[in-house]
Amino acid sequence: MREDWPLIEASLAKQYGIRIRQQGDMPWSEFCILVAGLMPDTPLGSIVTIRSEKDQKVIKGYTSDQRRIYNDWRKRQAEQKLLDEVTLDKEMKVLEAAMARMFGGGGA
């Protein structure tokens, strides 16, 4: 995501000492490997850790800033799903089938 670019830049600088804007040409595959190897103690790593948390006890203990990051990410993900009509249609069919099973309709 575009809004994560500053986090990527800062993380590459912190972990590898690479100033990406000052770097010459770097193959895409190498860039992907470097980003994939970023540790949780980098700016991007810490944000990804917050965004991907599933444990409700951990989430409950989030600071207001962590909760904002987590909620913003979930909101963006939900909005993206709504924009994707194919995904939305599939999810609606799954929901309809589940509702039919719950309320005795048998389901599709």
PDB file of N, CA and C in Angstrom:
ATOM      1  N   MET A   1       0.830  -1.176   0.000  1.00  0.00           N
ATOM      2  CA  MET A   1       0.000   0.000   0.000  1.00  0.00           C
ATOM      3  C   MET A   1       0.879   1.246   0.000  1.00  0.00           C
ATOM      4  N   ARG A   2       0.392   2.225  -0.679  1.00  0.00           N
ATOM      5  CA  ARG A   2       1.163   3.471  -0.785  1.00  0.00           C
ATOM      6  C   ARG A   2       1.458   4.097   0.571  1.00  0.00           C
ATOM      7  N   GLU A   3       0.474   4.037   1.457  1.00  0.00           N
ATOM      8  CA  GLU A   3       0.684   4.684   2.752  1.00  0.00           C
ATOM      9  C   GLU A   3       1.740   3.972   3.601  1.00  0.00           C
ATOM     10  N   ASP A   4       2.107   2.765   3.224  1.00  0.00           N
ATOM     11  CA  ASP A   4       3.153   2.033   3.950  1.00  0.00           C
ATOM     12  C   ASP A   4       4.556   2.324   3.420  1.00  0.00           C
ATOM     13  N   TRP A   5       4.675   3.040   2.312  1.00  0.00           N
ATOM     14  CA  TRP A   5       5.992   3.276   1.729  1.00  0.00           C
ATOM     15  C   TRP A   5       6.971   3.931   2.711  1.00  0.00           C
ATOM     16  N   PRO A   6       6.572   4.967   3.458  1.00  0.00           N
ATOM     17  CA  PRO A   6       7.524   5.537   4.425  1.00  0.00           C
ATOM     18  C   PRO A   6       7.980   4.512   5.472  1.00  0.00           C
ATOM     19  N   LEU A   7       7.080   3.615   5.862  1.00  0.00           N
ATOM     20  CA  LEU A   7       7.449   2.560   6.811  1.00  0.00           C
ATOM     21  C   LEU A   7       8.450   1.592   6.190  1.00  0.00           C
ATOM     22  N   ILE A   8       8.252   1.284   4.917  1.00  0.00           N
ATOM     23  CA  ILE A   8       9.177   0.390   4.213  1.00  0.00           C
ATOM     24  C   ILE A   8      10.548   1.037   4.131  1.00  0.00           C
ATOM     25  N   GLU A   9      10.575   2.310   3.734  1.00  0.00           N
ATOM     26  CA  GLU A   9      11.858   3.026   3.638  1.00  0.00           C
ATOM     27  C   GLU A   9      12.584   3.050   4.983  1.00  0.00           C
ATOM     28  N   ALA A  10      11.853   3.408   6.023  1.00  0.00           N
ATOM     29  CA  ALA A  10      12.469   3.497   7.352  1.00  0.00           C
ATOM     30  C   ALA A  10      12.946   2.134   7.837  1.00  0.00           C
ATOM     31  N   SER A  11      12.193   1.105   7.526  1.00  0.00           N
ATOM     32  CA  SER A  11      12.555  -0.243   7.963  1.00  0.00           C
ATOM     33  C   SER A  11      13.790  -0.758   7.242  1.00  0.00           C
ATOM     34  N   LEU A  12      13.878  -0.504   5.941  1.00  0.00           N
ATOM     35  CA  LEU A  12      15.070  -0.911   5.191  1.00  0.00           C
ATOM     36  C   LEU A  12      16.303  -0.178   5.711  1.00  0.00           C
ATOM     37  N   ALA A  13      16.136   1.094   6.038  1.00  0.00           N
ATOM     38  CA  ALA A  13      17.257   1.873   6.573  1.00  0.00           C
ATOM     39  C   ALA A  13      17.677   1.345   7.940  1.00  0.00           C
ATOM     40  N   LYS A  14      16.699   1.049   8.789  1.00  0.00           N
ATOM     41  CA  LYS A  14      17.020   0.587  10.141  1.00  0.00           C
ATOM     42  C   LYS A  14      17.692  -0.780  10.122  1.00  0.00           C
ATOM     43  N   GLN A  15      17.090  -1.723   9.395  1.00  0.00           N
ATOM     44  CA  GLN A  15      17.582  -3.095   9.459  1.00  0.00           C
ATOM     45  C   GLN A  15      18.818  -3.337   8.604  1.00  0.00           C
ATOM     46  N   TYR A  16      18.843  -2.755   7.411  1.00  0.00           N
ATOM     47  CA  TYR A  16      19.927  -3.059   6.476  1.00  0.00           C
ATOM     48  C   TYR A  16      20.870  -1.889   6.224  1.00  0.00           C
ATOM     49  N   GLY A  17      20.505  -0.700   6.712  1.00  0.00           N
ATOM     50  CA  GLY A  17      21.317   0.475   6.429  1.00  0.00           C
ATOM     51  C   GLY A  17      21.203   0.931   4.982  1.00  0.00           C
ATOM     52  N   ILE A  18      20.110   0.562   4.329  1.00  0.00           N
ATOM     53  CA  ILE A  18      19.899   0.910   2.919  1.00  0.00           C
ATOM     54  C   ILE A  18      18.965   2.110   2.833  1.00  0.00           C
ATOM     55  N   ARG A  19      19.433   3.165   2.192  1.00  0.00           N
ATOM     56  CA  ARG A  19      18.586   4.321   1.890  1.00  0.00           C
ATOM     57  C   ARG A  19      18.068   4.085   0.482  1.00  0.00           C
ATOM     58  N   ILE A  20      16.858   3.583   0.384  1.00  0.00           N
ATOM     59  CA  ILE A  20      16.325   3.087  -0.885  1.00  0.00           C
ATOM     60  C   ILE A  20      16.288   4.159  -1.970  1.00  0.00           C
ATOM     61  N   ARG A  21      16.033   5.406  -1.608  1.00  0.00           N
ATOM     62  CA  ARG A  21      15.990   6.474  -2.614  1.00  0.00           C
ATOM     63  C   ARG A  21      17.380   6.816  -3.133  1.00  0.00           C
ATOM     64  N   GLN A  22      18.405   6.498  -2.352  1.00  0.00           N
ATOM     65  CA  GLN A  22      19.781   6.759  -2.775  1.00  0.00           C
ATOM     66  C   GLN A  22      20.412   5.530  -3.420  1.00  0.00           C
ATOM     67  N   GLN A  23      19.717   4.421  -3.341  1.00  0.00           N
ATOM     68  CA  GLN A  23      20.204   3.164  -3.908  1.00  0.00           C
ATOM     69  C   GLN A  23      20.078   3.218  -5.432  1.00  0.00           C
ATOM     70  N   GLY A  24      21.032   2.641  -6.115  1.00  0.00           N
ATOM     71  CA  GLY A  24      20.911   2.518  -7.567  1.00  0.00           C
ATOM     72  C   GLY A  24      19.822   1.514  -7.890  1.00  0.00           C
ATOM     73  N   ASP A  25      19.820   1.044  -9.097  1.00  0.00           N
ATOM     74  CA  ASP A  25      18.830   0.043  -9.486  1.00  0.00           C
ATOM     75  C   ASP A  25      18.969  -1.199  -8.614  1.00  0.00           C
ATOM     76  N   MET A  26      17.835  -1.668  -8.126  1.00  0.00           N
ATOM     77  CA  MET A  26      17.797  -2.897  -7.340  1.00  0.00           C
ATOM     78  C   MET A  26      16.768  -3.804  -7.999  1.00  0.00           C
ATOM     79  N   PRO A  27      17.132  -5.032  -8.285  1.00  0.00           N
ATOM     80  CA  PRO A  27      16.141  -5.941  -8.871  1.00  0.00           C
ATOM     81  C   PRO A  27      14.923  -6.095  -7.949  1.00  0.00           C
ATOM     82  N   TRP A  28      13.749  -6.180  -8.555  1.00  0.00           N
ATOM     83  CA  TRP A  28      12.511  -6.320  -7.803  1.00  0.00           C
ATOM     84  C   TRP A  28      12.573  -7.522  -6.869  1.00  0.00           C
ATOM     85  N   SER A  29      13.127  -8.624  -7.352  1.00  0.00           N
ATOM     86  CA  SER A  29      13.199  -9.834  -6.529  1.00  0.00           C
ATOM     87  C   SER A  29      14.035  -9.591  -5.270  1.00  0.00           C
ATOM     88  N   GLU A  30      15.118  -8.838  -5.395  1.00  0.00           N
ATOM     89  CA  GLU A  30      15.954  -8.532  -4.227  1.00  0.00           C
ATOM     90  C   GLU A  30      15.197  -7.632  -3.248  1.00  0.00           C
ATOM     91  N   PHE A  31      14.498  -6.625  -3.784  1.00  0.00           N
ATOM     92  CA  PHE A  31      13.702  -5.742  -2.941  1.00  0.00           C
ATOM     93  C   PHE A  31      12.664  -6.556  -2.162  1.00  0.00           C
ATOM     94  N   CYS A  32      11.984  -7.470  -2.850  1.00  0.00           N
ATOM     95  CA  CYS A  32      10.961  -8.296  -2.197  1.00  0.00           C
ATOM     96  C   CYS A  32      11.562  -9.154  -1.089  1.00  0.00           C
ATOM     97  N   ILE A  33      12.745  -9.707  -1.334  1.00  0.00           N
ATOM     98  CA  ILE A  33      13.424 -10.523  -0.321  1.00  0.00           C
ATOM     99  C   ILE A  33      13.759  -9.677   0.902  1.00  0.00           C
ATOM    100  N   LEU A  34      14.270  -8.471   0.672  1.00  0.00           N
ATOM    101  CA  LEU A  34      14.620  -7.591   1.791  1.00  0.00           C
ATOM    102  C   LEU A  34      13.387  -7.218   2.615  1.00  0.00           C
ATOM    103  N   VAL A  35      12.306  -6.868   1.937  1.00  0.00           N
ATOM    104  CA  VAL A  35      11.085  -6.492   2.652  1.00  0.00           C
ATOM    105  C   VAL A  35      10.520  -7.700   3.406  1.00  0.00           C
ATOM    106  N   ALA A  36      10.535  -8.864   2.778  1.00  0.00           N
ATOM    107  CA  ALA A  36      10.018 -10.071   3.432  1.00  0.00           C
ATOM    108  C   ALA A  36      10.826 -10.432   4.677  1.00  0.00           C
ATOM    109  N   GLY A  37      12.089 -10.041   4.712  1.00  0.00           N
ATOM    110  CA  GLY A  37      12.945 -10.359   5.844  1.00  0.00           C
ATOM    111  C   GLY A  37      12.944  -9.333   6.957  1.00  0.00           C
ATOM    112  N   LEU A  38      12.112  -8.312   6.840  1.00  0.00           N
ATOM    113  CA  LEU A  38      12.080  -7.282   7.884  1.00  0.00           C
ATOM    114  C   LEU A  38      11.594  -7.867   9.207  1.00  0.00           C
ATOM    115  N   MET A  39      12.278  -7.508  10.259  1.00  0.00           N
ATOM    116  CA  MET A  39      11.985  -8.027  11.594  1.00  0.00           C
ATOM    117  C   MET A  39      10.897  -7.189  12.278  1.00  0.00           C
ATOM    118  N   PRO A  40      10.269  -7.746  13.317  1.00  0.00           N
ATOM    119  CA  PRO A  40       9.206  -7.029  14.028  1.00  0.00           C
ATOM    120  C   PRO A  40       9.651  -5.739  14.717  1.00  0.00           C
ATOM    121  N   ASP A  41      10.958  -5.574  14.934  1.00  0.00           N
ATOM    122  CA  ASP A  41      11.410  -4.356  15.617  1.00  0.00           C
ATOM    123  C   ASP A  41      11.671  -3.196  14.661  1.00  0.00           C
ATOM    124  N   THR A  42      11.239  -3.335  13.405  1.00  0.00           N
ATOM    125  CA  THR A  42      11.339  -2.238  12.441  1.00  0.00           C
ATOM    126  C   THR A  42       9.998  -1.498  12.412  1.00  0.00           C
ATOM    127  N   PRO A  43       9.970  -0.282  11.860  1.00  0.00           N
ATOM    128  CA  PRO A  43       8.691   0.441  11.799  1.00  0.00           C
ATOM    129  C   PRO A  43       7.581  -0.355  11.093  1.00  0.00           C
ATOM    130  N   LEU A  44       7.887  -0.947   9.939  1.00  0.00           N
ATOM    131  CA  LEU A  44       6.869  -1.736   9.238  1.00  0.00           C
ATOM    132  C   LEU A  44       6.530  -2.992  10.030  1.00  0.00           C
ATOM    133  N   GLY A  45       7.535  -3.636  10.577  1.00  0.00           N
ATOM    134  CA  GLY A  45       7.308  -4.855  11.349  1.00  0.00           C
ATOM    135  C   GLY A  45       6.375  -4.643  12.524  1.00  0.00           C
ATOM    136  N   SER A  46       6.548  -3.541  13.224  1.00  0.00           N
ATOM    137  CA  SER A  46       5.683  -3.288  14.382  1.00  0.00           C
ATOM    138  C   SER A  46       4.245  -3.011  13.948  1.00  0.00           C
ATOM    139  N   ILE A  47       4.070  -2.316  12.835  1.00  0.00           N
ATOM    140  CA  ILE A  47       2.719  -2.038  12.327  1.00  0.00           C
ATOM    141  C   ILE A  47       2.055  -3.329  11.854  1.00  0.00           C
ATOM    142  N   VAL A  48       2.799  -4.162  11.140  1.00  0.00           N
ATOM    143  CA  VAL A  48       2.253  -5.438  10.660  1.00  0.00           C
ATOM    144  C   VAL A  48       1.861  -6.319  11.847  1.00  0.00           C
ATOM    145  N   THR A  49       2.668  -6.306  12.890  1.00  0.00           N
ATOM    146  CA  THR A  49       2.348  -7.083  14.093  1.00  0.00           C
ATOM    147  C   THR A  49       1.016  -6.632  14.685  1.00  0.00           C
ATOM    148  N   ILE A  50       0.802  -5.336  14.750  1.00  0.00           N
ATOM    149  CA  ILE A  50      -0.460  -4.804  15.280  1.00  0.00           C
ATOM    150  C   ILE A  50      -1.618  -5.182  14.366  1.00  0.00           C
ATOM    151  N   ARG A  51      -1.449  -4.980  13.076  1.00  0.00           N
ATOM    152  CA  ARG A  51      -2.528  -5.242  12.117  1.00  0.00           C
ATOM    153  C   ARG A  51      -2.951  -6.703  12.084  1.00  0.00           C
ATOM    154  N   SER A  52      -2.012  -7.602  12.277  1.00  0.00           N
ATOM    155  CA  SER A  52      -2.303  -9.027  12.097  1.00  0.00           C
ATOM    156  C   SER A  52      -2.669  -9.754  13.387  1.00  0.00           C
ATOM    157  N   GLU A  53      -2.727  -9.052  14.489  1.00  0.00           N
ATOM    158  CA  GLU A  53      -3.032  -9.703  15.773  1.00  0.00           C
ATOM    159  C   GLU A  53      -4.436 -10.292  15.758  1.00  0.00           C
ATOM    160  N   LYS A  54      -4.570 -11.510  16.260  1.00  0.00           N
ATOM    161  CA  LYS A  54      -5.870 -12.187  16.322  1.00  0.00           C
ATOM    162  C   LYS A  54      -6.335 -12.402  17.768  1.00  0.00           C
ATOM    163  N   ASP A  55      -5.409 -12.397  18.708  1.00  0.00           N
ATOM    164  CA  ASP A  55      -5.718 -12.668  20.113  1.00  0.00           C
ATOM    165  C   ASP A  55      -6.445 -11.473  20.735  1.00  0.00           C
ATOM    166  N   GLN A  56      -7.707 -11.684  21.082  1.00  0.00           N
ATOM    167  CA  GLN A  56      -8.524 -10.596  21.627  1.00  0.00           C
ATOM    168  C   GLN A  56      -7.983 -10.060  22.951  1.00  0.00           C
ATOM    169  N   LYS A  57      -7.315 -10.907  23.727  1.00  0.00           N
ATOM    170  CA  LYS A  57      -6.724 -10.433  24.983  1.00  0.00           C
ATOM    171  C   LYS A  57      -5.607  -9.431  24.699  1.00  0.00           C
ATOM    172  N   VAL A  58      -4.818  -9.712  23.681  1.00  0.00           N
ATOM    173  CA  VAL A  58      -3.738  -8.795  23.299  1.00  0.00           C
ATOM    174  C   VAL A  58      -4.333  -7.496  22.770  1.00  0.00           C
ATOM    175  N   ILE A  59      -5.323  -7.620  21.902  1.00  0.00           N
ATOM    176  CA  ILE A  59      -5.966  -6.444  21.309  1.00  0.00           C
ATOM    177  C   ILE A  59      -6.604  -5.577  22.398  1.00  0.00           C
ATOM    178  N   LYS A  60      -7.209  -6.226  23.374  1.00  0.00           N
ATOM    179  CA  LYS A  60      -7.842  -5.496  24.476  1.00  0.00           C
ATOM    180  C   LYS A  60      -6.830  -4.641  25.242  1.00  0.00           C
ATOM    181  N   GLY A  61      -5.578  -5.090  25.287  1.00  0.00           N
ATOM    182  CA  GLY A  61      -4.537  -4.362  25.994  1.00  0.00           C
ATOM    183  C   GLY A  61      -3.814  -3.323  25.155  1.00  0.00           C
ATOM    184  N   TYR A  62      -4.250  -3.139  23.910  1.00  0.00           N
ATOM    185  CA  TYR A  62      -3.609  -2.156  23.040  1.00  0.00           C
ATOM    186  C   TYR A  62      -3.746  -0.743  23.599  1.00  0.00           C
ATOM    187  N   THR A  63      -2.746   0.069  23.322  1.00  0.00           N
ATOM    188  CA  THR A  63      -2.841   1.496  23.624  1.00  0.00           C
ATOM    189  C   THR A  63      -3.825   2.117  22.638  1.00  0.00           C
ATOM    190  N   SER A  64      -4.210   3.343  22.866  1.00  0.00           N
ATOM    191  CA  SER A  64      -5.150   3.999  21.942  1.00  0.00           C
ATOM    192  C   SER A  64      -4.543   4.116  20.545  1.00  0.00           C
ATOM    193  N   ASP A  65      -3.240   4.349  20.456  1.00  0.00           N
ATOM    194  CA  ASP A  65      -2.581   4.449  19.153  1.00  0.00           C
ATOM    195  C   ASP A  65      -2.559   3.097  18.444  1.00  0.00           C
ATOM    196  N   GLN A  66      -2.262   2.032  19.171  1.00  0.00           N
ATOM    197  CA  GLN A  66      -2.273   0.689  18.584  1.00  0.00           C
ATOM    198  C   GLN A  66      -3.683   0.315  18.132  1.00  0.00           C
ATOM    199  N   ARG A  67      -4.672   0.656  18.934  1.00  0.00           N
ATOM    200  CA  ARG A  67      -6.063   0.353  18.584  1.00  0.00           C
ATOM    201  C   ARG A  67      -6.469   1.116  17.320  1.00  0.00           C
ATOM    202  N   ARG A  68      -6.017   2.367  17.201  1.00  0.00           N
ATOM    203  CA  ARG A  68      -6.312   3.153  15.998  1.00  0.00           C
ATOM    204  C   ARG A  68      -5.706   2.479  14.775  1.00  0.00           C
ATOM    205  N   ILE A  69      -4.453   2.049  14.869  1.00  0.00           N
ATOM    206  CA  ILE A  69      -3.778   1.367  13.755  1.00  0.00           C
ATOM    207  C   ILE A  69      -4.539   0.098  13.382  1.00  0.00           C
ATOM    208  N   TYR A  70      -4.898  -0.697  14.377  1.00  0.00           N
ATOM    209  CA  TYR A  70      -5.619  -1.953  14.160  1.00  0.00           C
ATOM    210  C   TYR A  70      -6.981  -1.700  13.506  1.00  0.00           C
ATOM    211  N   ASN A  71      -7.737  -0.748  14.049  1.00  0.00           N
ATOM    212  CA  ASN A  71      -9.071  -0.455  13.521  1.00  0.00           C
ATOM    213  C   ASN A  71      -9.016   0.153  12.126  1.00  0.00           C
ATOM    214  N   ASP A  72      -8.053   1.030  11.877  1.00  0.00           N
ATOM    215  CA  ASP A  72      -7.901   1.607  10.534  1.00  0.00           C
ATOM    216  C   ASP A  72      -7.634   0.513   9.508  1.00  0.00           C
ATOM    217  N   TRP A  73      -6.784  -0.437   9.865  1.00  0.00           N
ATOM    218  CA  TRP A  73      -6.453  -1.532   8.947  1.00  0.00           C
ATOM    219  C   TRP A  73      -7.684  -2.391   8.660  1.00  0.00           C
ATOM    220  N   ARG A  74      -8.418  -2.739   9.707  1.00  0.00           N
ATOM    221  CA  ARG A  74      -9.622  -3.557   9.520  1.00  0.00           C
ATOM    222  C   ARG A  74     -10.649  -2.822   8.661  1.00  0.00           C
ATOM    223  N   LYS A  75     -10.788  -1.524   8.874  1.00  0.00           N
ATOM    224  CA  LYS A  75     -11.730  -0.725   8.088  1.00  0.00           C
ATOM    225  C   LYS A  75     -11.324  -0.724   6.615  1.00  0.00           C
ATOM    226  N   ARG A  76     -10.022  -0.528   6.349  1.00  0.00           N
ATOM    227  CA  ARG A  76      -9.552  -0.544   4.955  1.00  0.00           C
ATOM    228  C   ARG A  76      -9.783  -1.900   4.308  1.00  0.00           C
ATOM    229  N   GLN A  77      -9.558  -2.974   5.062  1.00  0.00           N
ATOM    230  CA  GLN A  77      -9.772  -4.311   4.521  1.00  0.00           C
ATOM    231  C   GLN A  77     -11.246  -4.533   4.191  1.00  0.00           C
ATOM    232  N   ALA A  78     -12.134  -4.079   5.066  1.00  0.00           N
ATOM    233  CA  ALA A  78     -13.572  -4.215   4.829  1.00  0.00           C
ATOM    234  C   ALA A  78     -13.999  -3.399   3.617  1.00  0.00           C
ATOM    235  N   GLU A  79     -13.484  -2.189   3.498  1.00  0.00           N
ATOM    236  CA  GLU A  79     -13.816  -1.343   2.350  1.00  0.00           C
ATOM    237  C   GLU A  79     -13.325  -1.975   1.055  1.00  0.00           C
ATOM    238  N   GLN A  80     -12.148  -2.578   1.087  1.00  0.00           N
ATOM    239  CA  GLN A  80     -11.603  -3.223  -0.104  1.00  0.00           C
ATOM    240  C   GLN A  80     -12.489  -4.387  -0.535  1.00  0.00           C
ATOM    241  N   LYS A  81     -12.974  -5.156   0.435  1.00  0.00           N
ATOM    242  CA  LYS A  81     -13.866  -6.269   0.108  1.00  0.00           C
ATOM    243  C   LYS A  81     -15.147  -5.757  -0.529  1.00  0.00           C
ATOM    244  N   LEU A  82     -15.670  -4.643  -0.031  1.00  0.00           N
ATOM    245  CA  LEU A  82     -16.895  -4.088  -0.591  1.00  0.00           C
ATOM    246  C   LEU A  82     -16.685  -3.592  -2.016  1.00  0.00           C
ATOM    247  N   LEU A  83     -15.477  -3.134  -2.318  1.00  0.00           N
ATOM    248  CA  LEU A  83     -15.187  -2.641  -3.659  1.00  0.00           C
ATOM    249  C   LEU A  83     -15.050  -3.776  -4.668  1.00  0.00           C
ATOM    250  N   ASP A  84     -14.707  -4.936  -4.190  1.00  0.00           N
ATOM    251  CA  ASP A  84     -14.514  -6.083  -5.069  1.00  0.00           C
ATOM    252  C   ASP A  84     -15.852  -6.822  -5.190  1.00  0.00           C
ATOM    253  N   GLU A  85     -16.587  -6.556  -6.267  1.00  0.00           N
ATOM    254  CA  GLU A  85     -17.931  -7.104  -6.427  1.00  0.00           C
ATOM    255  C   GLU A  85     -17.953  -8.620  -6.470  1.00  0.00           C
ATOM    256  N   VAL A  86     -16.963  -9.231  -7.080  1.00  0.00           N
ATOM    257  CA  VAL A  86     -16.920 -10.690  -7.164  1.00  0.00           C
ATOM    258  C   VAL A  86     -16.800 -11.282  -5.764  1.00  0.00           C
ATOM    259  N   THR A  87     -15.880 -10.738  -4.981  1.00  0.00           N
ATOM    260  CA  THR A  87     -15.706 -11.213  -3.610  1.00  0.00           C
ATOM    261  C   THR A  87     -16.971 -10.974  -2.804  1.00  0.00           C
ATOM    262  N   LEU A  88     -17.559  -9.806  -2.961  1.00  0.00           N
ATOM    263  CA  LEU A  88     -18.779  -9.476  -2.230  1.00  0.00           C
ATOM    264  C   LEU A  88     -19.895 -10.452  -2.585  1.00  0.00           C
ATOM    265  N   ASP A  89     -20.066 -10.745  -3.872  1.00  0.00           N
ATOM    266  CA  ASP A  89     -21.100 -11.691  -4.294  1.00  0.00           C
ATOM    267  C   ASP A  89     -20.870 -13.072  -3.687  1.00  0.00           C
ATOM    268  N   LYS A  90     -19.629 -13.538  -3.708  1.00  0.00           N
ATOM    269  CA  LYS A  90     -19.312 -14.848  -3.125  1.00  0.00           C
ATOM    270  C   LYS A  90     -19.607 -14.857  -1.628  1.00  0.00           C
ATOM    271  N   GLU A  91     -19.192 -13.806  -0.941  1.00  0.00           N
ATOM    272  CA  GLU A  91     -19.405 -13.737   0.504  1.00  0.00           C
ATOM    273  C   GLU A  91     -20.901 -13.669   0.832  1.00  0.00           C
ATOM    274  N   MET A  92     -21.667 -12.970   0.012  1.00  0.00           N
ATOM    275  CA  MET A  92     -23.110 -12.889   0.240  1.00  0.00           C
ATOM    276  C   MET A  92     -23.764 -14.255   0.052  1.00  0.00           C
ATOM    277  N   LYS A  93     -23.317 -15.023  -0.943  1.00  0.00           N
ATOM    278  CA  LYS A  93     -23.870 -16.367  -1.156  1.00  0.00           C
ATOM    279  C   LYS A  93     -23.547 -17.275   0.021  1.00  0.00           C
ATOM    280  N   VAL A  94     -22.336 -17.173   0.544  1.00  0.00           N
ATOM    281  CA  VAL A  94     -21.960 -17.960   1.723  1.00  0.00           C
ATOM    282  C   VAL A  94     -22.836 -17.559   2.907  1.00  0.00           C
ATOM    283  N   LEU A  95     -23.038 -16.254   3.097  1.00  0.00           N
ATOM    284  CA  LEU A  95     -23.875 -15.766   4.188  1.00  0.00           C
ATOM    285  C   LEU A  95     -25.320 -16.233   4.023  1.00  0.00           C
ATOM    286  N   GLU A  96     -25.844 -16.152   2.811  1.00  0.00           N
ATOM    287  CA  GLU A  96     -27.213 -16.601   2.554  1.00  0.00           C
ATOM    288  C   GLU A  96     -27.369 -18.080   2.873  1.00  0.00           C
ATOM    289  N   ALA A  97     -26.391 -18.896   2.462  1.00  0.00           N
ATOM    290  CA  ALA A  97     -26.447 -20.333   2.732  1.00  0.00           C
ATOM    291  C   ALA A  97     -26.383 -20.602   4.234  1.00  0.00           C
ATOM    292  N   ALA A  98     -25.535 -19.872   4.934  1.00  0.00           N
ATOM    293  CA  ALA A  98     -25.418 -20.049   6.384  1.00  0.00           C
ATOM    294  C   ALA A  98     -26.724 -19.663   7.076  1.00  0.00           C
ATOM    295  N   MET A  99     -27.318 -18.568   6.647  1.00  0.00           N
ATOM    296  CA  MET A  99     -28.584 -18.127   7.237  1.00  0.00           C
ATOM    297  C   MET A  99     -29.677 -19.154   6.959  1.00  0.00           C
ATOM    298  N   ALA A 100     -29.701 -19.694   5.748  1.00  0.00           N
ATOM    299  CA  ALA A 100     -30.702 -20.701   5.401  1.00  0.00           C
ATOM    300  C   ALA A 100     -30.538 -21.940   6.278  1.00  0.00           C
ATOM    301  N   ARG A 101     -29.293 -22.366   6.504  1.00  0.00           N
ATOM    302  CA  ARG A 101     -29.049 -23.533   7.366  1.00  0.00           C
ATOM    303  C   ARG A 101     -29.476 -23.237   8.805  1.00  0.00           C
ATOM    304  N   MET A 102     -29.162 -22.042   9.285  1.00  0.00           N
ATOM    305  CA  MET A 102     -29.493 -21.693  10.674  1.00  0.00           C
ATOM    306  C   MET A 102     -30.997 -21.643  10.903  1.00  0.00           C
ATOM    307  N   PHE A 103     -31.724 -21.170   9.888  1.00  0.00           N
ATOM    308  CA  PHE A 103     -33.154 -20.973  10.075  1.00  0.00           C
ATOM    309  C   PHE A 103     -33.992 -21.996   9.322  1.00  0.00           C
ATOM    310  N   GLY A 104     -33.391 -23.157   9.039  1.00  0.00           N
ATOM    311  CA  GLY A 104     -34.142 -24.282   8.508  1.00  0.00           C
ATOM    312  C   GLY A 104     -34.407 -24.278   7.024  1.00  0.00           C
ATOM    313  N   GLY A 105     -33.729 -23.440   6.274  1.00  0.00           N
ATOM    314  CA  GLY A 105     -33.953 -23.413   4.833  1.00  0.00           C
ATOM    315  C   GLY A 105     -33.159 -24.464   4.083  1.00  0.00           C
ATOM    316  N   GLY A 106     -32.277 -25.159   4.746  1.00  0.00           N
ATOM    317  CA  GLY A 106     -31.511 -26.220   4.096  1.00  0.00           C
ATOM    318  C   GLY A 106     -30.221 -25.759   3.485  1.00  0.00           C
ATOM    319  N   GLY A 107     -30.167 -24.556   2.980  1.00  0.00           N
ATOM    320  CA  GLY A 107     -28.921 -24.020   2.414  1.00  0.00           C
ATOM    321  C   GLY A 107     -28.708 -24.432   0.987  1.00  0.00           C
ATOM    322  N   ALA A 108     -27.853 -23.671   0.318  1.00  0.00           N
ATOM    323  CA  ALA A 108     -27.569 -23.937  -1.093  1.00  0.00           C
ATOM    324  C   ALA A 108     -26.327 -24.773  -1.216  1.00  0.00           C
TER     325      ALA A 108
END
